[in-house]
C-alpha cells in the first residue's frame, strides 16, 4: 500500500487503457498502481505522477490534446498542476517528487 498516493481517477471509456499506458511511459522509474472499480479507474503512484501530451499522442493518435484528458477525469488525489503539454500530480513538499 502506498503511503502518499497521487494521480487521476479516470471515468471508464474506450481510451482509458491507452491513457494508463501513456502514464506508465512517462513514469518508468515509479511504481504505477491501477485500481479498476468498474465505472472508474484510479491510477496512482507514491508522491508524484506525470503524463505528457507527447505520450498521450503516441498512444491515442496525433489528434489527441492534453485538454481532452480533463474530460476523462472524474477526480484526482494530490495537488494537480496543468500545463499546455503535461499534467503533474504531487504532494506538497513530497520527498519523492523530482526536482527541476
PDB file of N, CA and C in Angstrom:
ATOM      1  N   UNK A   1       0.840  -1.189   0.000  1.00  0.00           N
ATOM      2  CA  UNK A   1       0.000   0.000   0.000  1.00  0.00           C
ATOM      3  C   UNK A   1       0.885   1.253   0.000  1.00  0.00           C
ATOM      4  N   UNK A   2       0.518   2.210  -0.812  1.00  0.00           N
ATOM      5  CA  UNK A   2       1.303   3.436  -0.939  1.00  0.00           C
ATOM      6  C   UNK A   2       1.020   4.374   0.225  1.00  0.00           C
ATOM      7  N   UNK A   3       2.074   5.045   0.701  1.00  0.00           N
ATOM      8  CA  UNK A   3       1.926   5.984   1.798  1.00  0.00           C
ATOM      9  C   UNK A   3       1.268   7.281   1.351  1.00  0.00           C
ATOM     10  N   UNK A   4       1.622   7.753   0.140  1.00  0.00           N
ATOM     11  CA  UNK A   4       1.143   9.047  -0.349  1.00  0.00           C
ATOM     12  C   UNK A   4       0.673   8.926  -1.796  1.00  0.00           C
ATOM     13  N   UNK A   5      -0.429   8.209  -2.043  1.00  0.00           N
ATOM     14  CA  UNK A   5      -0.870   8.032  -3.431  1.00  0.00           C
ATOM     15  C   UNK A   5      -1.391   9.335  -4.041  1.00  0.00           C
ATOM     16  N   UNK A   6      -0.924   9.614  -5.259  1.00  0.00           N
ATOM     17  CA  UNK A   6      -1.403  10.758  -6.033  1.00  0.00           C
ATOM     18  C   UNK A   6      -1.655  10.291  -7.455  1.00  0.00           C
ATOM     19  N   UNK A   7      -2.601  10.939  -8.123  1.00  0.00           N
ATOM     20  CA  UNK A   7      -2.868  10.612  -9.517  1.00  0.00           C
ATOM     21  C   UNK A   7      -4.333  10.771  -9.862  1.00  0.00           C
ATOM     22  N   UNK A   8      -4.655  10.484 -11.130  1.00  0.00           N
ATOM     23  CA  UNK A   8      -6.015  10.707 -11.613  1.00  0.00           C
ATOM     24  C   UNK A   8      -6.971   9.567 -11.299  1.00  0.00           C
ATOM     25  N   UNK A   9      -8.240   9.911 -11.248  1.00  0.00           N
ATOM     26  CA  UNK A   9      -9.334   8.944 -11.251  1.00  0.00           C
ATOM     27  C   UNK A   9     -10.035   9.167 -12.586  1.00  0.00           C
ATOM     28  N   UNK A  10      -9.986   8.163 -13.460  1.00  0.00           N
ATOM     29  CA  UNK A  10     -10.486   8.291 -14.827  1.00  0.00           C
ATOM     30  C   UNK A  10     -11.810   7.577 -14.998  1.00  0.00           C
ATOM     31  N   UNK A  11     -12.757   8.234 -15.654  1.00  0.00           N
ATOM     32  CA  UNK A  11     -14.020   7.584 -16.000  1.00  0.00           C
ATOM     33  C   UNK A  11     -13.718   6.446 -16.970  1.00  0.00           C
ATOM     34  N   UNK A  12     -14.418   5.351 -16.839  1.00  0.00           N
ATOM     35  CA  UNK A  12     -14.221   4.221 -17.734  1.00  0.00           C
ATOM     36  C   UNK A  12     -14.671   4.629 -19.132  1.00  0.00           C
ATOM     37  N   UNK A  13     -13.786   4.409 -20.121  1.00  0.00           N
ATOM     38  CA  UNK A  13     -14.089   4.716 -21.513  1.00  0.00           C
ATOM     39  C   UNK A  13     -13.161   3.889 -22.393  1.00  0.00           C
ATOM     40  N   UNK A  14     -13.349   3.958 -23.692  1.00  0.00           N
ATOM     41  CA  UNK A  14     -12.544   3.170 -24.624  1.00  0.00           C
ATOM     42  C   UNK A  14     -11.060   3.520 -24.563  1.00  0.00           C
ATOM     43  N   UNK A  15     -10.738   4.763 -24.221  1.00  0.00           N
ATOM     44  CA  UNK A  15      -9.356   5.229 -24.250  1.00  0.00           C
ATOM     45  C   UNK A  15      -8.587   5.005 -22.955  1.00  0.00           C
ATOM     46  N   UNK A  16      -9.233   4.532 -21.911  1.00  0.00           N
ATOM     47  CA  UNK A  16      -8.598   4.504 -20.590  1.00  0.00           C
ATOM     48  C   UNK A  16      -7.316   3.664 -20.576  1.00  0.00           C
ATOM     49  N   UNK A  17      -7.279   2.536 -21.257  1.00  0.00           N
ATOM     50  CA  UNK A  17      -6.066   1.717 -21.261  1.00  0.00           C
ATOM     51  C   UNK A  17      -4.908   2.434 -21.942  1.00  0.00           C
ATOM     52  N   UNK A  18      -5.204   3.223 -22.978  1.00  0.00           N
ATOM     53  CA  UNK A  18      -4.157   3.977 -23.666  1.00  0.00           C
ATOM     54  C   UNK A  18      -3.609   5.086 -22.773  1.00  0.00           C
ATOM     55  N   UNK A  19      -4.481   5.710 -22.000  1.00  0.00           N
ATOM     56  CA  UNK A  19      -4.043   6.753 -21.064  1.00  0.00           C
ATOM     57  C   UNK A  19      -3.147   6.135 -19.994  1.00  0.00           C
ATOM     58  N   UNK A  20      -3.507   4.980 -19.490  1.00  0.00           N
ATOM     59  CA  UNK A  20      -2.687   4.282 -18.489  1.00  0.00           C
ATOM     60  C   UNK A  20      -1.322   3.943 -19.078  1.00  0.00           C
ATOM     61  N   UNK A  21      -1.288   3.467 -20.325  1.00  0.00           N
ATOM     62  CA  UNK A  21      -0.009   3.163 -20.982  1.00  0.00           C
ATOM     63  C   UNK A  21       0.853   4.416 -21.100  1.00  0.00           C
ATOM     64  N   UNK A  22       0.240   5.555 -21.440  1.00  0.00           N
ATOM     65  CA  UNK A  22       0.975   6.818 -21.547  1.00  0.00           C
ATOM     66  C   UNK A  22       1.547   7.223 -20.189  1.00  0.00           C
ATOM     67  N   UNK A  23       0.758   7.076 -19.133  1.00  0.00           N
ATOM     68  CA  UNK A  23       1.229   7.404 -17.783  1.00  0.00           C
ATOM     69  C   UNK A  23       2.398   6.511 -17.403  1.00  0.00           C
ATOM     70  N   UNK A  24       2.304   5.231 -17.699  1.00  0.00           N
ATOM     71  CA  UNK A  24       3.415   4.305 -17.405  1.00  0.00           C
ATOM     72  C   UNK A  24       4.679   4.719 -18.174  1.00  0.00           C
ATOM     73  N   UNK A  25       4.527   5.109 -19.442  1.00  0.00           N
ATOM     74  CA  UNK A  25       5.679   5.558 -20.243  1.00  0.00           C
ATOM     75  C   UNK A  25       6.353   6.774 -19.624  1.00  0.00           C
ATOM     76  N   UNK A  26       5.567   7.699 -19.088  1.00  0.00           N
ATOM     77  CA  UNK A  26       6.113   8.934 -18.525  1.00  0.00           C
ATOM     78  C   UNK A  26       6.677   8.756 -17.118  1.00  0.00           C
ATOM     79  N   UNK A  27       6.469   7.607 -16.516  1.00  0.00           N
ATOM     80  CA  UNK A  27       6.931   7.349 -15.144  1.00  0.00           C
ATOM     81  C   UNK A  27       7.650   6.006 -15.070  1.00  0.00           C
ATOM     82  N   UNK A  28       8.713   5.819 -15.868  1.00  0.00           N
ATOM     83  CA  UNK A  28       9.346   4.499 -15.963  1.00  0.00           C
ATOM     84  C   UNK A  28      10.010   4.029 -14.673  1.00  0.00           C
ATOM     85  N   UNK A  29      10.403   4.934 -13.813  1.00  0.00           N
ATOM     86  CA  UNK A  29      11.096   4.558 -12.579  1.00  0.00           C
ATOM     87  C   UNK A  29      10.184   4.557 -11.357  1.00  0.00           C
ATOM     88  N   UNK A  30       8.889   4.686 -11.585  1.00  0.00           N
ATOM     89  CA  UNK A  30       7.931   4.729 -10.481  1.00  0.00           C
ATOM     90  C   UNK A  30       7.000   3.528 -10.561  1.00  0.00           C
ATOM     91  N   UNK A  31       6.567   3.064  -9.412  1.00  0.00           N
ATOM     92  CA  UNK A  31       5.538   2.037  -9.371  1.00  0.00           C
ATOM     93  C   UNK A  31       4.193   2.710  -9.598  1.00  0.00           C
ATOM     94  N   UNK A  32       3.533   2.365 -10.699  1.00  0.00           N
ATOM     95  CA  UNK A  32       2.220   2.923 -11.021  1.00  0.00           C
ATOM     96  C   UNK A  32       1.189   1.844 -10.732  1.00  0.00           C
ATOM     97  N   UNK A  33       0.276   2.151  -9.835  1.00  0.00           N
ATOM     98  CA  UNK A  33      -0.769   1.213  -9.428  1.00  0.00           C
ATOM     99  C   UNK A  33      -2.082   1.597 -10.116  1.00  0.00           C
ATOM    100  N   UNK A  34      -2.772   0.599 -10.647  1.00  0.00           N
ATOM    101  CA  UNK A  34      -4.056   0.808 -11.315  1.00  0.00           C
ATOM    102  C   UNK A  34      -5.107   0.014 -10.554  1.00  0.00           C
ATOM    103  N   UNK A  35      -6.138   0.711 -10.105  1.00  0.00           N
ATOM    104  CA  UNK A  35      -7.229   0.078  -9.359  1.00  0.00           C
ATOM    105  C   UNK A  35      -8.504   0.241 -10.173  1.00  0.00           C
ATOM    106  N   UNK A  36      -9.011  -0.852 -10.700  1.00  0.00           N
ATOM    107  CA  UNK A  36     -10.212  -0.847 -11.538  1.00  0.00           C
ATOM    108  C   UNK A  36     -11.433  -1.007 -10.641  1.00  0.00           C
ATOM    109  N   UNK A  37     -12.306  -0.001 -10.646  1.00  0.00           N
ATOM    110  CA  UNK A  37     -13.524  -0.021  -9.834  1.00  0.00           C
ATOM    111  C   UNK A  37     -14.786  -0.187 -10.684  1.00  0.00           C
ATOM    112  N   UNK A  38     -14.612  -0.642 -11.923  1.00  0.00           N
ATOM    113  CA  UNK A  38     -15.768  -0.858 -12.782  1.00  0.00           C
ATOM    114  C   UNK A  38     -16.134   0.363 -13.586  1.00  0.00           C
ATOM    115  N   UNK A  39     -16.709   1.368 -12.945  1.00  0.00           N
ATOM    116  CA  UNK A  39     -17.118   2.574 -13.659  1.00  0.00           C
ATOM    117  C   UNK A  39     -16.003   3.621 -13.715  1.00  0.00           C
ATOM    118  N   UNK A  40     -14.943   3.419 -12.950  1.00  0.00           N
ATOM    119  CA  UNK A  40     -13.792   4.309 -12.978  1.00  0.00           C
ATOM    120  C   UNK A  40     -12.528   3.538 -12.647  1.00  0.00           C
ATOM    121  N   UNK A  41     -11.387   4.151 -12.975  1.00  0.00           N
ATOM    122  CA  UNK A  41     -10.083   3.560 -12.710  1.00  0.00           C
ATOM    123  C   UNK A  41      -9.238   4.589 -11.973  1.00  0.00           C
ATOM    124  N   UNK A  42      -8.674   4.177 -10.860  1.00  0.00           N
ATOM    125  CA  UNK A  42      -7.756   5.036 -10.106  1.00  0.00           C
ATOM    126  C   UNK A  42      -6.335   4.661 -10.530  1.00  0.00           C
ATOM    127  N   UNK A  43      -5.569   5.659 -10.974  1.00  0.00           N
ATOM    128  CA  UNK A  43      -4.175   5.459 -11.370  1.00  0.00           C
ATOM    129  C   UNK A  43      -3.337   6.267 -10.392  1.00  0.00           C
ATOM    130  N   UNK A  44      -2.383   5.615  -9.728  1.00  0.00           N
ATOM    131  CA  UNK A  44      -1.665   6.332  -8.686  1.00  0.00           C
ATOM    132  C   UNK A  44      -0.221   5.861  -8.556  1.00  0.00           C
ATOM    133  N   UNK A  45       0.587   6.760  -8.025  1.00  0.00           N
ATOM    134  CA  UNK A  45       1.966   6.472  -7.660  1.00  0.00           C
ATOM    135  C   UNK A  45       2.219   7.164  -6.331  1.00  0.00           C
ATOM    136  N   UNK A  46       3.307   6.816  -5.707  1.00  0.00           N
ATOM    137  CA  UNK A  46       3.607   7.362  -4.389  1.00  0.00           C
ATOM    138  C   UNK A  46       4.271   8.730  -4.508  1.00  0.00           C
ATOM    139  N   UNK A  47       3.523   9.795  -4.233  1.00  0.00           N
ATOM    140  CA  UNK A  47       4.073  11.134  -4.123  1.00  0.00           C
ATOM    141  C   UNK A  47       4.162  11.968  -5.382  1.00  0.00           C
ATOM    142  N   UNK A  48       4.238  11.337  -6.564  1.00  0.00           N
ATOM    143  CA  UNK A  48       4.407  12.108  -7.800  1.00  0.00           C
ATOM    144  C   UNK A  48       3.976  11.269  -8.991  1.00  0.00           C
ATOM    145  N   UNK A  49       3.285  11.916  -9.934  1.00  0.00           N
ATOM    146  CA  UNK A  49       2.877  11.246 -11.168  1.00  0.00           C
ATOM    147  C   UNK A  49       2.784  12.290 -12.268  1.00  0.00           C
ATOM    148  N   UNK A  50       3.176  11.913 -13.486  1.00  0.00           N
ATOM    149  CA  UNK A  50       3.231  12.820 -14.621  1.00  0.00           C
ATOM    150  C   UNK A  50       2.628  12.141 -15.840  1.00  0.00           C
ATOM    151  N   UNK A  51       1.955  12.923 -16.678  1.00  0.00           N
ATOM    152  CA  UNK A  51       1.588  12.462 -18.019  1.00  0.00           C
ATOM    153  C   UNK A  51       1.813  13.626 -18.972  1.00  0.00           C
ATOM    154  N   UNK A  52       2.409  13.319 -20.136  1.00  0.00           N
ATOM    155  CA  UNK A  52       2.701  14.352 -21.118  1.00  0.00           C
ATOM    156  C   UNK A  52       1.815  14.185 -22.348  1.00  0.00           C
ATOM    157  N   UNK A  53       1.616  15.290 -23.046  1.00  0.00           N
ATOM    158  CA  UNK A  53       0.832  15.242 -24.269  1.00  0.00           C
ATOM    159  C   UNK A  53       1.509  14.358 -25.311  1.00  0.00           C
ATOM    160  N   UNK A  54       2.838  14.372 -25.370  1.00  0.00           N
ATOM    161  CA  UNK A  54       3.554  13.529 -26.327  1.00  0.00           C
ATOM    162  C   UNK A  54       3.248  12.050 -26.118  1.00  0.00           C
ATOM    163  N   UNK A  55       3.276  11.598 -24.869  1.00  0.00           N
ATOM    164  CA  UNK A  55       2.965  10.189 -24.589  1.00  0.00           C
ATOM    165  C   UNK A  55       1.508   9.867 -24.906  1.00  0.00           C
ATOM    166  N   UNK A  56       0.618  10.789 -24.578  1.00  0.00           N
ATOM    167  CA  UNK A  56      -0.794  10.571 -24.902  1.00  0.00           C
ATOM    168  C   UNK A  56      -0.991  10.467 -26.414  1.00  0.00           C
ATOM    169  N   UNK A  57      -0.310  11.318 -27.177  1.00  0.00           N
ATOM    170  CA  UNK A  57      -0.414  11.266 -28.639  1.00  0.00           C
ATOM    171  C   UNK A  57       0.171   9.972 -29.192  1.00  0.00           C
ATOM    172  N   UNK A  58       1.252   9.481 -28.572  1.00  0.00           N
ATOM    173  CA  UNK A  58       1.840   8.209 -29.011  1.00  0.00           C
ATOM    174  C   UNK A  58       0.842   7.062 -28.898  1.00  0.00           C
ATOM    175  N   UNK A  59      -0.006   7.105 -27.892  1.00  0.00           N
ATOM    176  CA  UNK A  59      -0.954   6.010 -27.654  1.00  0.00           C
ATOM    177  C   UNK A  59      -2.348   6.265 -28.230  1.00  0.00           C
ATOM    178  N   UNK A  60      -2.737   7.545 -28.345  1.00  0.00           N
ATOM    179  CA  UNK A  60      -4.103   7.875 -28.761  1.00  0.00           C
ATOM    180  C   UNK A  60      -4.186   8.565 -30.117  1.00  0.00           C
ATOM    181  N   UNK A  61      -3.050   8.845 -30.722  1.00  0.00           N
ATOM    182  CA  UNK A  61      -3.046   9.490 -32.028  1.00  0.00           C
ATOM    183  C   UNK A  61      -2.696  10.960 -31.936  1.00  0.00           C
ATOM    184  N   UNK A  62      -2.198  11.495 -33.063  1.00  0.00           N
ATOM    185  CA  UNK A  62      -1.729  12.882 -33.103  1.00  0.00           C
ATOM    186  C   UNK A  62      -2.824  13.906 -32.834  1.00  0.00           C
ATOM    187  N   UNK A  63      -4.076  13.543 -33.023  1.00  0.00           N
ATOM    188  CA  UNK A  63      -5.170  14.478 -32.805  1.00  0.00           C
ATOM    189  C   UNK A  63      -5.542  14.662 -31.345  1.00  0.00           C
ATOM    190  N   UNK A  64      -4.990  13.837 -30.449  1.00  0.00           N
ATOM    191  CA  UNK A  64      -5.343  13.923 -29.036  1.00  0.00           C
ATOM    192  C   UNK A  64      -4.620  15.101 -28.397  1.00  0.00           C
ATOM    193  N   UNK A  65      -5.364  15.940 -27.698  1.00  0.00           N
ATOM    194  CA  UNK A  65      -4.787  17.073 -26.977  1.00  0.00           C
ATOM    195  C   UNK A  65      -4.934  16.849 -25.486  1.00  0.00           C
ATOM    196  N   UNK A  66      -3.989  17.352 -24.724  1.00  0.00           N
ATOM    197  CA  UNK A  66      -3.980  17.109 -23.282  1.00  0.00           C
ATOM    198  C   UNK A  66      -5.250  17.616 -22.610  1.00  0.00           C
ATOM    199  N   UNK A  67      -5.855  18.668 -23.156  1.00  0.00           N
ATOM    200  CA  UNK A  67      -7.108  19.173 -22.601  1.00  0.00           C
ATOM    201  C   UNK A  67      -8.227  18.150 -22.659  1.00  0.00           C
ATOM    202  N   UNK A  68      -8.139  17.219 -23.600  1.00  0.00           N
ATOM    203  CA  UNK A  68      -9.148  16.158 -23.704  1.00  0.00           C
ATOM    204  C   UNK A  68      -9.110  15.224 -22.500  1.00  0.00           C
ATOM    205  N   UNK A  69      -7.946  15.112 -21.875  1.00  0.00           N
ATOM    206  CA  UNK A  69      -7.818  14.249 -20.701  1.00  0.00           C
ATOM    207  C   UNK A  69      -8.645  14.787 -19.536  1.00  0.00           C
ATOM    208  N   UNK A  70      -8.758  16.095 -19.444  1.00  0.00           N
ATOM    209  CA  UNK A  70      -9.514  16.687 -18.342  1.00  0.00           C
ATOM    210  C   UNK A  70     -10.971  16.242 -18.355  1.00  0.00           C
ATOM    211  N   UNK A  71     -11.521  15.991 -19.541  1.00  0.00           N
ATOM    212  CA  UNK A  71     -12.886  15.492 -19.639  1.00  0.00           C
ATOM    213  C   UNK A  71     -13.049  14.066 -19.144  1.00  0.00           C
ATOM    214  N   UNK A  72     -11.948  13.331 -19.088  1.00  0.00           N
ATOM    215  CA  UNK A  72     -11.972  11.953 -18.595  1.00  0.00           C
ATOM    216  C   UNK A  72     -11.787  11.880 -17.083  1.00  0.00           C
ATOM    217  N   UNK A  73     -11.292  12.975 -16.478  1.00  0.00           N
ATOM    218  CA  UNK A  73     -11.019  12.986 -15.037  1.00  0.00           C
ATOM    219  C   UNK A  73     -12.312  13.132 -14.247  1.00  0.00           C
ATOM    220  N   UNK A  74     -12.589  12.181 -13.391  1.00  0.00           N
ATOM    221  CA  UNK A  74     -13.729  12.356 -12.504  1.00  0.00           C
ATOM    222  C   UNK A  74     -13.266  12.897 -11.153  1.00  0.00           C
ATOM    223  N   UNK A  75     -11.983  12.692 -10.866  1.00  0.00           N
ATOM    224  CA  UNK A  75     -11.404  13.169  -9.618  1.00  0.00           C
ATOM    225  C   UNK A  75      -9.889  12.967  -9.711  1.00  0.00           C
ATOM    226  N   UNK A  76      -9.190  13.305  -8.635  1.00  0.00           N
ATOM    227  CA  UNK A  76      -7.762  13.027  -8.557  1.00  0.00           C
ATOM    228  C   UNK A  76      -7.337  13.107  -7.104  1.00  0.00           C
ATOM    229  N   UNK A  77      -6.181  12.528  -6.817  1.00  0.00           N
ATOM    230  CA  UNK A  77      -5.596  12.607  -5.488  1.00  0.00           C
ATOM    231  C   UNK A  77      -4.314  13.419  -5.587  1.00  0.00           C
ATOM    232  N   UNK A  78      -4.078  14.286  -4.616  1.00  0.00           N
ATOM    233  CA  UNK A  78      -2.887  15.116  -4.610  1.00  0.00           C
ATOM    234  C   UNK A  78      -3.177  16.489  -5.169  1.00  0.00           C
ATOM    235  N   UNK A  79      -2.118  17.233  -5.391  1.00  0.00           N
ATOM    236  CA  UNK A  79      -2.213  18.566  -5.988  1.00  0.00           C
ATOM    237  C   UNK A  79      -1.959  18.417  -7.475  1.00  0.00           C
ATOM    238  N   UNK A  80      -2.830  18.980  -8.292  1.00  0.00           N
ATOM    239  CA  UNK A  80      -2.690  18.881  -9.741  1.00  0.00           C
ATOM    240  C   UNK A  80      -2.099  20.165 -10.295  1.00  0.00           C
ATOM    241  N   UNK A  81      -1.187  20.017 -11.251  1.00  0.00           N
ATOM    242  CA  UNK A  81      -0.584  21.162 -11.933  1.00  0.00           C
ATOM    243  C   UNK A  81      -0.692  20.887 -13.430  1.00  0.00           C
ATOM    244  N   UNK A  82      -1.450  21.717 -14.123  1.00  0.00           N
ATOM    245  CA  UNK A  82      -1.632  21.525 -15.552  1.00  0.00           C
ATOM    246  C   UNK A  82      -0.806  22.541 -16.333  1.00  0.00           C
ATOM    247  N   UNK A  83      -0.306  22.095 -17.459  1.00  0.00           N
ATOM    248  CA  UNK A  83       0.416  22.957 -18.388  1.00  0.00           C
ATOM    249  C   UNK A  83      -0.097  22.615 -19.788  1.00  0.00           C
ATOM    250  N   UNK A  84       0.363  23.336 -20.781  1.00  0.00           N
ATOM    251  CA  UNK A  84      -0.119  23.096 -22.138  1.00  0.00           C
ATOM    252  C   UNK A  84       0.338  21.759 -22.689  1.00  0.00           C
ATOM    253  N   UNK A  85       1.372  21.149 -22.090  1.00  0.00           N
ATOM    254  CA  UNK A  85       1.908  19.902 -22.628  1.00  0.00           C
ATOM    255  C   UNK A  85       2.053  18.780 -21.605  1.00  0.00           C
ATOM    256  N   UNK A  86       1.595  19.001 -20.370  1.00  0.00           N
ATOM    257  CA  UNK A  86       1.692  17.943 -19.361  1.00  0.00           C
ATOM    258  C   UNK A  86       0.788  18.232 -18.173  1.00  0.00           C
ATOM    259  N   UNK A  87       0.538  17.167 -17.405  1.00  0.00           N
ATOM    260  CA  UNK A  87      -0.186  17.276 -16.140  1.00  0.00           C
ATOM    261  C   UNK A  87       0.627  16.529 -15.093  1.00  0.00           C
ATOM    262  N   UNK A  88       0.799  17.151 -13.924  1.00  0.00           N
ATOM    263  CA  UNK A  88       1.517  16.539 -12.813  1.00  0.00           C
ATOM    264  C   UNK A  88       0.601  16.461 -11.600  1.00  0.00           C
ATOM    265  N   UNK A  89       0.753  15.398 -10.838  1.00  0.00           N
ATOM    266  CA  UNK A  89       0.092  15.249  -9.548  1.00  0.00           C
ATOM    267  C   UNK A  89       1.189  15.091  -8.511  1.00  0.00           C
ATOM    268  N   UNK A  90       1.127  15.898  -7.451  1.00  0.00           N
ATOM    269  CA  UNK A  90       2.157  15.863  -6.415  1.00  0.00           C
ATOM    270  C   UNK A  90       1.531  16.034  -5.036  1.00  0.00           C
ATOM    271  N   UNK A  91       2.340  15.781  -4.044  1.00  0.00           N
ATOM    272  CA  UNK A  91       2.014  16.179  -2.679  1.00  0.00           C
ATOM    273  C   UNK A  91       2.783  17.451  -2.399  1.00  0.00           C
ATOM    274  N   UNK A  92       2.338  18.231  -1.493  1.00  0.00           N
ATOM    275  CA  UNK A  92       3.068  19.433  -1.097  1.00  0.00           C
ATOM    276  C   UNK A  92       4.370  18.971  -0.448  1.00  0.00           C
ATOM    277  N   UNK A  93       5.490  19.474  -0.955  1.00  0.00           N
ATOM    278  CA  UNK A  93       6.811  19.154  -0.418  1.00  0.00           C
ATOM    279  C   UNK A  93       7.047  17.649  -0.328  1.00  0.00           C
ATOM    280  N   UNK A  94       6.625  16.911  -1.353  1.00  0.00           N
ATOM    281  CA  UNK A  94       6.816  15.476  -1.362  1.00  0.00           C
ATOM    282  C   UNK A  94       8.298  15.135  -1.500  1.00  0.00           C
ATOM    283  N   UNK A  95       8.823  14.254  -0.666  1.00  0.00           N
ATOM    284  CA  UNK A  95      10.221  13.860  -0.799  1.00  0.00           C
ATOM    285  C   UNK A  95      10.453  13.020  -2.073  1.00  0.00           C
ATOM    286  N   UNK A  96       9.398  12.497  -2.677  1.00  0.00           N
ATOM    287  CA  UNK A  96       9.529  11.660  -3.869  1.00  0.00           C
ATOM    288  C   UNK A  96       9.463  12.443  -5.170  1.00  0.00           C
ATOM    289  N   UNK A  97       9.014  13.683  -5.129  1.00  0.00           N
ATOM    290  CA  UNK A  97       8.862  14.471  -6.356  1.00  0.00           C
ATOM    291  C   UNK A  97      10.252  14.863  -6.863  1.00  0.00           C
ATOM    292  N   UNK A  98      10.487  14.677  -8.153  1.00  0.00           N
ATOM    293  CA  UNK A  98      11.786  15.073  -8.687  1.00  0.00           C
ATOM    294  C   UNK A  98      11.929  16.590  -8.682  1.00  0.00           C
ATOM    295  N   UNK A  99      13.121  17.051  -8.539  1.00  0.00           N
ATOM    296  CA  UNK A  99      13.378  18.485  -8.557  1.00  0.00           C
ATOM    297  C   UNK A  99      13.754  18.886  -9.966  1.00  0.00           C
ATOM    298  N   UNK A 100      13.360  20.102 -10.351  1.00  0.00           N
ATOM    299  CA  UNK A 100      13.673  20.579 -11.701  1.00  0.00           C
ATOM    300  C   UNK A 100      14.713  21.653 -11.667  1.00  0.00           C
TER     301      UNK A 100
END
